[in-house]
């Protein structure tokens, strides 16, 4: 007997998230190639900034799904405070970059 895959907050947008992540992966490979080719520093940094922005969009999509699905489920189960604390900790980690 197999255990069913749990439904996550991002399940409905999973294909879109995976597509974004594949694009980010391609961007990272592009930056690797730029460094290998000794491209101008500012051009490399510009691409890194674009990668960070793309990852931020992925993170916001995951947070949105968490807020709409997981936190709702947690509230129904009586775990609203726990879920809010968990989400705010995740937001704090995302904001600590740099």
PDB file of N, CA and C in Angstrom:
ATOM      1  N   UNK A   1       0.841  -1.173   0.000  1.00  0.00           N
ATOM      2  CA  UNK A   1       0.000   0.000   0.000  1.00  0.00           C
ATOM      3  C   UNK A   1       0.894   1.246   0.000  1.00  0.00           C
ATOM      4  N   UNK A   2       0.636   2.166  -0.912  1.00  0.00           N
ATOM      5  CA  UNK A   2       1.442   3.372  -0.994  1.00  0.00           C
ATOM      6  C   UNK A   2       0.780   4.515  -0.230  1.00  0.00           C
ATOM      7  N   UNK A   3       1.628   5.366   0.331  1.00  0.00           N
ATOM      8  CA  UNK A   3       1.134   6.538   1.039  1.00  0.00           C
ATOM      9  C   UNK A   3       0.857   7.629   0.016  1.00  0.00           C
ATOM     10  N   UNK A   4      -0.319   8.252   0.067  1.00  0.00           N
ATOM     11  CA  UNK A   4      -0.624   9.296  -0.909  1.00  0.00           C
ATOM     12  C   UNK A   4       0.302  10.503  -0.710  1.00  0.00           C
ATOM     13  N   UNK A   5       0.634  11.168  -1.814  1.00  0.00           N
ATOM     14  CA  UNK A   5       1.456  12.368  -1.753  1.00  0.00           C
ATOM     15  C   UNK A   5       0.641  13.471  -1.089  1.00  0.00           C
ATOM     16  N   UNK A   6       1.225  14.128  -0.077  1.00  0.00           N
ATOM     17  CA  UNK A   6       0.455  15.181   0.598  1.00  0.00           C
ATOM     18  C   UNK A   6       0.232  16.374  -0.331  1.00  0.00           C
ATOM     19  N   UNK A   7      -0.882  17.052  -0.125  1.00  0.00           N
ATOM     20  CA  UNK A   7      -1.171  18.258  -0.893  1.00  0.00           C
ATOM     21  C   UNK A   7      -0.495  19.417  -0.180  1.00  0.00           C
ATOM     22  N   UNK A   8       0.354  20.115  -0.898  1.00  0.00           N
ATOM     23  CA  UNK A   8       1.068  21.262  -0.354  1.00  0.00           C
ATOM     24  C   UNK A   8       0.418  22.534  -0.860  1.00  0.00           C
ATOM     25  N   UNK A   9       0.779  23.652  -0.250  1.00  0.00           N
ATOM     26  CA  UNK A   9       0.224  24.935  -0.652  1.00  0.00           C
ATOM     27  C   UNK A   9       0.560  25.315  -2.082  1.00  0.00           C
ATOM     28  N   UNK A  10       1.648  24.769  -2.607  1.00  0.00           N
ATOM     29  CA  UNK A  10       2.067  25.100  -3.963  1.00  0.00           C
ATOM     30  C   UNK A  10       1.659  24.052  -4.987  1.00  0.00           C
ATOM     31  N   UNK A  11       0.908  23.055  -4.588  1.00  0.00           N
ATOM     32  CA  UNK A  11       0.546  21.966  -5.494  1.00  0.00           C
ATOM     33  C   UNK A  11      -0.112  22.473  -6.773  1.00  0.00           C
ATOM     34  N   UNK A  12      -1.029  23.445  -6.653  1.00  0.00           N
ATOM     35  CA  UNK A  12      -1.741  23.948  -7.831  1.00  0.00           C
ATOM     36  C   UNK A  12      -0.813  24.680  -8.799  1.00  0.00           C
ATOM     37  N   UNK A  13       0.261  25.282  -8.280  1.00  0.00           N
ATOM     38  CA  UNK A  13       1.170  26.046  -9.143  1.00  0.00           C
ATOM     39  C   UNK A  13       2.521  25.353  -9.295  1.00  0.00           C
ATOM     40  N   UNK A  14       2.576  24.078  -8.978  1.00  0.00           N
ATOM     41  CA  UNK A  14       3.834  23.332  -8.999  1.00  0.00           C
ATOM     42  C   UNK A  14       4.513  23.390 -10.366  1.00  0.00           C
ATOM     43  N   UNK A  15       3.770  23.224 -11.438  1.00  0.00           N
ATOM     44  CA  UNK A  15       4.361  23.259 -12.778  1.00  0.00           C
ATOM     45  C   UNK A  15       4.990  24.619 -13.067  1.00  0.00           C
ATOM     46  N   UNK A  16       4.307  25.693 -12.664  1.00  0.00           N
ATOM     47  CA  UNK A  16       4.852  27.039 -12.871  1.00  0.00           C
ATOM     48  C   UNK A  16       6.118  27.251 -12.042  1.00  0.00           C
ATOM     49  N   UNK A  17       6.107  26.791 -10.804  1.00  0.00           N
ATOM     50  CA  UNK A  17       7.288  26.921  -9.951  1.00  0.00           C
ATOM     51  C   UNK A  17       8.469  26.140 -10.523  1.00  0.00           C
ATOM     52  N   UNK A  18       8.197  24.941 -10.988  1.00  0.00           N
ATOM     53  CA  UNK A  18       9.271  24.129 -11.581  1.00  0.00           C
ATOM     54  C   UNK A  18       9.829  24.784 -12.843  1.00  0.00           C
ATOM     55  N   UNK A  19       8.954  25.379 -13.648  1.00  0.00           N
ATOM     56  CA  UNK A  19       9.414  26.072 -14.859  1.00  0.00           C
ATOM     57  C   UNK A  19      10.305  27.255 -14.491  1.00  0.00           C
ATOM     58  N   UNK A  20       9.906  28.010 -13.478  1.00  0.00           N
ATOM     59  CA  UNK A  20      10.733  29.140 -13.015  1.00  0.00           C
ATOM     60  C   UNK A  20      12.088  28.654 -12.529  1.00  0.00           C
ATOM     61  N   UNK A  21      12.076  27.571 -11.765  1.00  0.00           N
ATOM     62  CA  UNK A  21      13.336  27.033 -11.246  1.00  0.00           C
ATOM     63  C   UNK A  21      14.245  26.540 -12.368  1.00  0.00           C
ATOM     64  N   UNK A  22      13.661  25.975 -13.414  1.00  0.00           N
ATOM     65  CA  UNK A  22      14.478  25.544 -14.556  1.00  0.00           C
ATOM     66  C   UNK A  22      15.101  26.753 -15.252  1.00  0.00           C
ATOM     67  N   UNK A  23      14.333  27.861 -15.342  1.00  0.00           N
ATOM     68  CA  UNK A  23      14.889  29.084 -15.931  1.00  0.00           C
ATOM     69  C   UNK A  23      16.027  29.619 -15.079  1.00  0.00           C
ATOM     70  N   UNK A  24      15.853  29.591 -13.765  1.00  0.00           N
ATOM     71  CA  UNK A  24      16.914  30.048 -12.856  1.00  0.00           C
ATOM     72  C   UNK A  24      18.153  29.182 -13.043  1.00  0.00           C
ATOM     73  N   UNK A  25      17.939  27.889 -13.155  1.00  0.00           N
ATOM     74  CA  UNK A  25      19.067  26.970 -13.363  1.00  0.00           C
ATOM     75  C   UNK A  25      19.825  27.348 -14.637  1.00  0.00           C
ATOM     76  N   UNK A  26      19.100  27.682 -15.683  1.00  0.00           N
ATOM     77  CA  UNK A  26      19.733  28.111 -16.927  1.00  0.00           C
ATOM     78  C   UNK A  26      20.490  29.422 -16.751  1.00  0.00           C
ATOM     79  N   UNK A  27      19.919  30.332 -15.971  1.00  0.00           N
ATOM     80  CA  UNK A  27      20.599  31.601 -15.709  1.00  0.00           C
ATOM     81  C   UNK A  27      21.903  31.367 -14.945  1.00  0.00           C
ATOM     82  N   UNK A  28      21.878  30.465 -13.988  1.00  0.00           N
ATOM     83  CA  UNK A  28      23.081  30.163 -13.212  1.00  0.00           C
ATOM     84  C   UNK A  28      24.155  29.574 -14.128  1.00  0.00           C
ATOM     85  N   UNK A  29      23.751  28.684 -15.018  1.00  0.00           N
ATOM     86  CA  UNK A  29      24.721  28.139 -15.976  1.00  0.00           C
ATOM     87  C   UNK A  29      25.286  29.254 -16.857  1.00  0.00           C
ATOM     88  N   UNK A  30      24.436  30.219 -17.212  1.00  0.00           N
ATOM     89  CA  UNK A  30      24.899  31.351 -18.009  1.00  0.00           C
ATOM     90  C   UNK A  30      25.929  32.181 -17.266  1.00  0.00           C
ATOM     91  N   UNK A  31      25.713  32.392 -15.975  1.00  0.00           N
ATOM     92  CA  UNK A  31      26.681  33.147 -15.172  1.00  0.00           C
ATOM     93  C   UNK A  31      27.990  32.364 -15.068  1.00  0.00           C
ATOM     94  N   UNK A  32      27.892  31.072 -14.905  1.00  0.00           N
ATOM     95  CA  UNK A  32      29.096  30.234 -14.858  1.00  0.00           C
ATOM     96  C   UNK A  32      29.905  30.402 -16.151  1.00  0.00           C
ATOM     97  N   UNK A  33      29.202  30.404 -17.268  1.00  0.00           N
ATOM     98  CA  UNK A  33      29.871  30.581 -18.565  1.00  0.00           C
ATOM     99  C   UNK A  33      30.490  31.976 -18.664  1.00  0.00           C
ATOM    100  N   UNK A  34      29.782  32.984 -18.171  1.00  0.00           N
ATOM    101  CA  UNK A  34      30.308  34.349 -18.199  1.00  0.00           C
ATOM    102  C   UNK A  34      31.612  34.446 -17.413  1.00  0.00           C
ATOM    103  N   UNK A  35      31.653  33.817 -16.233  1.00  0.00           N
ATOM    104  CA  UNK A  35      32.868  33.829 -15.423  1.00  0.00           C
ATOM    105  C   UNK A  35      33.976  33.077 -16.151  1.00  0.00           C
ATOM    106  N   UNK A  36      33.637  31.933 -16.724  1.00  0.00           N
ATOM    107  CA  UNK A  36      34.624  31.144 -17.467  1.00  0.00           C
ATOM    108  C   UNK A  36      35.211  31.947 -18.626  1.00  0.00           C
ATOM    109  N   UNK A  37      34.387  32.793 -19.246  1.00  0.00           N
ATOM    110  CA  UNK A  37      34.823  33.604 -20.386  1.00  0.00           C
ATOM    111  C   UNK A  37      35.408  34.951 -19.963  1.00  0.00           C
ATOM    112  N   UNK A  38      35.586  35.152 -18.652  1.00  0.00           N
ATOM    113  CA  UNK A  38      36.156  36.395 -18.129  1.00  0.00           C
ATOM    114  C   UNK A  38      35.380  37.629 -18.565  1.00  0.00           C
ATOM    115  N   UNK A  39      34.052  37.540 -18.470  1.00  0.00           N
ATOM    116  CA  UNK A  39      33.207  38.680 -18.832  1.00  0.00           C
ATOM    117  C   UNK A  39      33.331  39.788 -17.795  1.00  0.00           C
ATOM    118  N   UNK A  40      32.909  40.977 -18.171  1.00  0.00           N
ATOM    119  CA  UNK A  40      32.994  42.166 -17.337  1.00  0.00           C
ATOM    120  C   UNK A  40      32.226  41.955 -16.028  1.00  0.00           C
ATOM    121  N   UNK A  41      32.863  42.348 -14.912  1.00  0.00           N
ATOM    122  CA  UNK A  41      32.308  42.094 -13.570  1.00  0.00           C
ATOM    123  C   UNK A  41      30.877  42.601 -13.419  1.00  0.00           C
ATOM    124  N   UNK A  42      30.612  43.808 -13.871  1.00  0.00           N
ATOM    125  CA  UNK A  42      29.287  44.400 -13.696  1.00  0.00           C
ATOM    126  C   UNK A  42      28.233  43.608 -14.460  1.00  0.00           C
ATOM    127  N   UNK A  43      28.594  43.092 -15.626  1.00  0.00           N
ATOM    128  CA  UNK A  43      27.647  42.262 -16.385  1.00  0.00           C
ATOM    129  C   UNK A  43      27.301  40.985 -15.618  1.00  0.00           C
ATOM    130  N   UNK A  44      28.309  40.381 -14.987  1.00  0.00           N
ATOM    131  CA  UNK A  44      28.077  39.166 -14.200  1.00  0.00           C
ATOM    132  C   UNK A  44      27.186  39.497 -13.002  1.00  0.00           C
ATOM    133  N   UNK A  45      27.489  40.605 -12.327  1.00  0.00           N
ATOM    134  CA  UNK A  45      26.686  41.011 -11.172  1.00  0.00           C
ATOM    135  C   UNK A  45      25.243  41.311 -11.560  1.00  0.00           C
ATOM    136  N   UNK A  46      25.052  41.894 -12.728  1.00  0.00           N
ATOM    137  CA  UNK A  46      23.700  42.175 -13.215  1.00  0.00           C
ATOM    138  C   UNK A  46      22.919  40.876 -13.382  1.00  0.00           C
ATOM    139  N   UNK A  47      23.553  39.860 -13.915  1.00  0.00           N
ATOM    140  CA  UNK A  47      22.890  38.566 -14.089  1.00  0.00           C
ATOM    141  C   UNK A  47      22.599  37.896 -12.749  1.00  0.00           C
ATOM    142  N   UNK A  48      23.513  38.054 -11.796  1.00  0.00           N
ATOM    143  CA  UNK A  48      23.281  37.498 -10.462  1.00  0.00           C
ATOM    144  C   UNK A  48      22.070  38.174  -9.823  1.00  0.00           C
ATOM    145  N   UNK A  49      21.953  39.481 -10.012  1.00  0.00           N
ATOM    146  CA  UNK A  49      20.796  40.212  -9.494  1.00  0.00           C
ATOM    147  C   UNK A  49      19.502  39.687 -10.112  1.00  0.00           C
ATOM    148  N   UNK A  50      19.527  39.388 -11.391  1.00  0.00           N
ATOM    149  CA  UNK A  50      18.346  38.841 -12.067  1.00  0.00           C
ATOM    150  C   UNK A  50      17.990  37.465 -11.499  1.00  0.00           C
ATOM    151  N   UNK A  51      18.987  36.669 -11.186  1.00  0.00           N
ATOM    152  CA  UNK A  51      18.756  35.344 -10.600  1.00  0.00           C
ATOM    153  C   UNK A  51      18.117  35.494  -9.227  1.00  0.00           C
ATOM    154  N   UNK A  52      18.634  36.421  -8.433  1.00  0.00           N
ATOM    155  CA  UNK A  52      18.068  36.640  -7.106  1.00  0.00           C
ATOM    156  C   UNK A  52      16.611  37.085  -7.199  1.00  0.00           C
ATOM    157  N   UNK A  53      16.310  37.946  -8.155  1.00  0.00           N
ATOM    158  CA  UNK A  53      14.927  38.406  -8.334  1.00  0.00           C
ATOM    159  C   UNK A  53      14.028  37.237  -8.730  1.00  0.00           C
ATOM    160  N   UNK A  54      14.519  36.372  -9.600  1.00  0.00           N
ATOM    161  CA  UNK A  54      13.729  35.208 -10.025  1.00  0.00           C
ATOM    162  C   UNK A  54      13.489  34.266  -8.848  1.00  0.00           C
ATOM    163  N   UNK A  55      14.503  34.049  -8.022  1.00  0.00           N
ATOM    164  CA  UNK A  55      14.324  33.198  -6.842  1.00  0.00           C
ATOM    165  C   UNK A  55      13.366  33.833  -5.837  1.00  0.00           C
ATOM    166  N   UNK A  56      13.399  35.158  -5.738  1.00  0.00           N
ATOM    167  CA  UNK A  56      12.448  35.845  -4.861  1.00  0.00           C
ATOM    168  C   UNK A  56      11.010  35.594  -5.318  1.00  0.00           C
ATOM    169  N   UNK A  57      10.793  35.570  -6.633  1.00  0.00           N
ATOM    170  CA  UNK A  57       9.445  35.287  -7.145  1.00  0.00           C
ATOM    171  C   UNK A  57       9.012  33.866  -6.789  1.00  0.00           C
ATOM    172  N   UNK A  58       9.940  32.932  -6.866  1.00  0.00           N
ATOM    173  CA  UNK A  58       9.628  31.555  -6.472  1.00  0.00           C
ATOM    174  C   UNK A  58       9.272  31.531  -4.987  1.00  0.00           C
ATOM    175  N   UNK A  59      10.076  32.211  -4.177  1.00  0.00           N
ATOM    176  CA  UNK A  59       9.829  32.231  -2.735  1.00  0.00           C
ATOM    177  C   UNK A  59       8.473  32.865  -2.421  1.00  0.00           C
ATOM    178  N   UNK A  60       8.141  33.956  -3.099  1.00  0.00           N
ATOM    179  CA  UNK A  60       6.842  34.595  -2.861  1.00  0.00           C
ATOM    180  C   UNK A  60       5.691  33.673  -3.255  1.00  0.00           C
ATOM    181  N   UNK A  61       5.867  32.932  -4.331  1.00  0.00           N
ATOM    182  CA  UNK A  61       4.840  31.962  -4.729  1.00  0.00           C
ATOM    183  C   UNK A  61       4.653  30.887  -3.677  1.00  0.00           C
ATOM    184  N   UNK A  62       5.757  30.418  -3.111  1.00  0.00           N
ATOM    185  CA  UNK A  62       5.666  29.411  -2.056  1.00  0.00           C
ATOM    186  C   UNK A  62       5.021  29.984  -0.800  1.00  0.00           C
ATOM    187  N   UNK A  63       5.389  31.213  -0.443  1.00  0.00           N
ATOM    188  CA  UNK A  63       4.773  31.854   0.722  1.00  0.00           C
ATOM    189  C   UNK A  63       3.279  32.059   0.520  1.00  0.00           C
ATOM    190  N   UNK A  64       2.903  32.448  -0.681  1.00  0.00           N
ATOM    191  CA  UNK A  64       1.486  32.635  -0.983  1.00  0.00           C
ATOM    192  C   UNK A  64       0.717  31.325  -0.800  1.00  0.00           C
ATOM    193  N   UNK A  65       1.263  30.264  -1.344  1.00  0.00           N
ATOM    194  CA  UNK A  65       0.622  28.955  -1.193  1.00  0.00           C
ATOM    195  C   UNK A  65       0.550  28.534   0.268  1.00  0.00           C
ATOM    196  N   UNK A  66       1.611  28.818   1.010  1.00  0.00           N
ATOM    197  CA  UNK A  66       1.631  28.459   2.428  1.00  0.00           C
ATOM    198  C   UNK A  66       0.550  29.232   3.187  1.00  0.00           C
ATOM    199  N   UNK A  67       0.460  30.535   2.895  1.00  0.00           N
ATOM    200  CA  UNK A  67      -0.529  31.368   3.589  1.00  0.00           C
ATOM    201  C   UNK A  67      -1.956  30.945   3.259  1.00  0.00           C
ATOM    202  N   UNK A  68      -2.202  30.607   2.010  1.00  0.00           N
ATOM    203  CA  UNK A  68      -3.560  30.288   1.579  1.00  0.00           C
ATOM    204  C   UNK A  68      -3.984  28.851   1.906  1.00  0.00           C
ATOM    205  N   UNK A  69      -3.026  27.932   1.918  1.00  0.00           N
ATOM    206  CA  UNK A  69      -3.394  26.529   2.115  1.00  0.00           C
ATOM    207  C   UNK A  69      -2.942  26.011   3.484  1.00  0.00           C
ATOM    208  N   UNK A  70      -1.648  26.028   3.701  1.00  0.00           N
ATOM    209  CA  UNK A  70      -1.098  25.398   4.904  1.00  0.00           C
ATOM    210  C   UNK A  70      -1.552  26.103   6.181  1.00  0.00           C
ATOM    211  N   UNK A  71      -1.528  27.442   6.156  1.00  0.00           N
ATOM    212  CA  UNK A  71      -1.954  28.164   7.356  1.00  0.00           C
ATOM    213  C   UNK A  71      -3.449  27.977   7.609  1.00  0.00           C
ATOM    214  N   UNK A  72      -4.216  27.912   6.545  1.00  0.00           N
ATOM    215  CA  UNK A  72      -5.656  27.664   6.703  1.00  0.00           C
ATOM    216  C   UNK A  72      -5.884  26.292   7.330  1.00  0.00           C
ATOM    217  N   UNK A  73      -5.195  25.300   6.804  1.00  0.00           N
ATOM    218  CA  UNK A  73      -5.314  23.947   7.342  1.00  0.00           C
ATOM    219  C   UNK A  73      -4.875  23.914   8.801  1.00  0.00           C
ATOM    220  N   UNK A  74      -3.755  24.598   9.102  1.00  0.00           N
ATOM    221  CA  UNK A  74      -3.276  24.656  10.485  1.00  0.00           C
ATOM    222  C   UNK A  74      -4.282  25.311  11.415  1.00  0.00           C
ATOM    223  N   UNK A  75      -4.930  26.371  10.935  1.00  0.00           N
ATOM    224  CA  UNK A  75      -5.938  27.055  11.761  1.00  0.00           C
ATOM    225  C   UNK A  75      -7.116  26.137  12.053  1.00  0.00           C
ATOM    226  N   UNK A  76      -7.546  25.387  11.033  1.00  0.00           N
ATOM    227  CA  UNK A  76      -8.659  24.443  11.224  1.00  0.00           C
ATOM    228  C   UNK A  76      -8.278  23.382  12.261  1.00  0.00           C
ATOM    229  N   UNK A  77      -6.999  23.014  12.278  1.00  0.00           N
ATOM    230  CA  UNK A  77      -6.505  22.000  13.223  1.00  0.00           C
ATOM    231  C   UNK A  77      -6.143  22.599  14.584  1.00  0.00           C
ATOM    232  N   UNK A  78      -6.340  23.922  14.758  1.00  0.00           N
ATOM    233  CA  UNK A  78      -6.018  24.563  16.027  1.00  0.00           C
ATOM    234  C   UNK A  78      -4.557  24.932  16.192  1.00  0.00           C
ATOM    235  N   UNK A  79      -3.831  25.031  15.088  1.00  0.00           N
ATOM    236  CA  UNK A  79      -2.398  25.336  15.146  1.00  0.00           C
ATOM    237  C   UNK A  79      -2.075  26.674  14.479  1.00  0.00           C
ATOM    238  N   UNK A  80      -2.985  27.632  14.526  1.00  0.00           N
ATOM    239  CA  UNK A  80      -2.808  28.901  13.822  1.00  0.00           C
ATOM    240  C   UNK A  80      -1.565  29.642  14.298  1.00  0.00           C
ATOM    241  N   UNK A  81      -1.358  29.740  15.602  1.00  0.00           N
ATOM    242  CA  UNK A  81      -0.193  30.465  16.122  1.00  0.00           C
ATOM    243  C   UNK A  81       1.110  29.792  15.710  1.00  0.00           C
ATOM    244  N   UNK A  82       1.139  28.478  15.793  1.00  0.00           N
ATOM    245  CA  UNK A  82       2.330  27.720  15.397  1.00  0.00           C
ATOM    246  C   UNK A  82       2.657  27.965  13.920  1.00  0.00           C
ATOM    247  N   UNK A  83       1.640  27.932  13.083  1.00  0.00           N
ATOM    248  CA  UNK A  83       1.840  28.120  11.645  1.00  0.00           C
ATOM    249  C   UNK A  83       2.287  29.553  11.339  1.00  0.00           C
ATOM    250  N   UNK A  84       1.713  30.538  12.032  1.00  0.00           N
ATOM    251  CA  UNK A  84       2.100  31.930  11.819  1.00  0.00           C
ATOM    252  C   UNK A  84       3.554  32.144  12.240  1.00  0.00           C
ATOM    253  N   UNK A  85       3.951  31.571  13.367  1.00  0.00           N
ATOM    254  CA  UNK A  85       5.330  31.684  13.841  1.00  0.00           C
ATOM    255  C   UNK A  85       6.292  31.058  12.840  1.00  0.00           C
ATOM    256  N   UNK A  86       5.923  29.896  12.340  1.00  0.00           N
ATOM    257  CA  UNK A  86       6.754  29.197  11.358  1.00  0.00           C
ATOM    258  C   UNK A  86       6.918  30.026  10.086  1.00  0.00           C
ATOM    259  N   UNK A  87       5.811  30.607   9.618  1.00  0.00           N
ATOM    260  CA  UNK A  87       5.871  31.410   8.395  1.00  0.00           C
ATOM    261  C   UNK A  87       6.706  32.669   8.602  1.00  0.00           C
ATOM    262  N   UNK A  88       6.529  33.331   9.711  1.00  0.00           N
ATOM    263  CA  UNK A  88       7.294  34.552   9.959  1.00  0.00           C
ATOM    264  C   UNK A  88       8.784  34.253  10.089  1.00  0.00           C
ATOM    265  N   UNK A  89       9.132  33.114  10.630  1.00  0.00           N
ATOM    266  CA  UNK A  89      10.547  32.706  10.706  1.00  0.00           C
ATOM    267  C   UNK A  89      11.095  32.499   9.298  1.00  0.00           C
ATOM    268  N   UNK A  90      10.300  31.904   8.427  1.00  0.00           N
ATOM    269  CA  UNK A  90      10.731  31.694   7.048  1.00  0.00           C
ATOM    270  C   UNK A  90      10.900  33.033   6.329  1.00  0.00           C
ATOM    271  N   UNK A  91       9.983  33.966   6.545  1.00  0.00           N
ATOM    272  CA  UNK A  91      10.091  35.294   5.940  1.00  0.00           C
ATOM    273  C   UNK A  91      11.350  35.982   6.462  1.00  0.00           C
ATOM    274  N   UNK A  92      11.617  35.859   7.755  1.00  0.00           N
ATOM    275  CA  UNK A  92      12.818  36.446   8.332  1.00  0.00           C
ATOM    276  C   UNK A  92      14.084  35.906   7.697  1.00  0.00           C
ATOM    277  N   UNK A  93      14.121  34.597   7.455  1.00  0.00           N
ATOM    278  CA  UNK A  93      15.301  33.996   6.804  1.00  0.00           C
ATOM    279  C   UNK A  93      15.463  34.517   5.391  1.00  0.00           C
ATOM    280  N   UNK A  94      14.364  34.689   4.685  1.00  0.00           N
ATOM    281  CA  UNK A  94      14.425  35.212   3.311  1.00  0.00           C
ATOM    282  C   UNK A  94      14.940  36.642   3.282  1.00  0.00           C
ATOM    283  N   UNK A  95      14.609  37.420   4.292  1.00  0.00           N
ATOM    284  CA  UNK A  95      14.984  38.827   4.315  1.00  0.00           C
ATOM    285  C   UNK A  95      16.419  39.055   4.770  1.00  0.00           C
ATOM    286  N   UNK A  96      17.080  38.062   5.327  1.00  0.00           N
ATOM    287  CA  UNK A  96      18.425  38.208   5.872  1.00  0.00           C
ATOM    288  C   UNK A  96      19.533  38.121   4.832  1.00  0.00           C
ATOM    289  N   UNK A  97      19.203  38.060   3.586  1.00  0.00           N
ATOM    290  CA  UNK A  97      20.223  37.930   2.545  1.00  0.00           C
ATOM    291  C   UNK A  97      21.229  39.064   2.619  1.00  0.00           C
ATOM    292  N   UNK A  98      22.481  38.726   2.262  1.00  0.00           N
ATOM    293  CA  UNK A  98      23.502  39.752   2.146  1.00  0.00           C
ATOM    294  C   UNK A  98      24.108  40.004   3.452  1.00  0.00           C
TER     295      UNK A  98
END
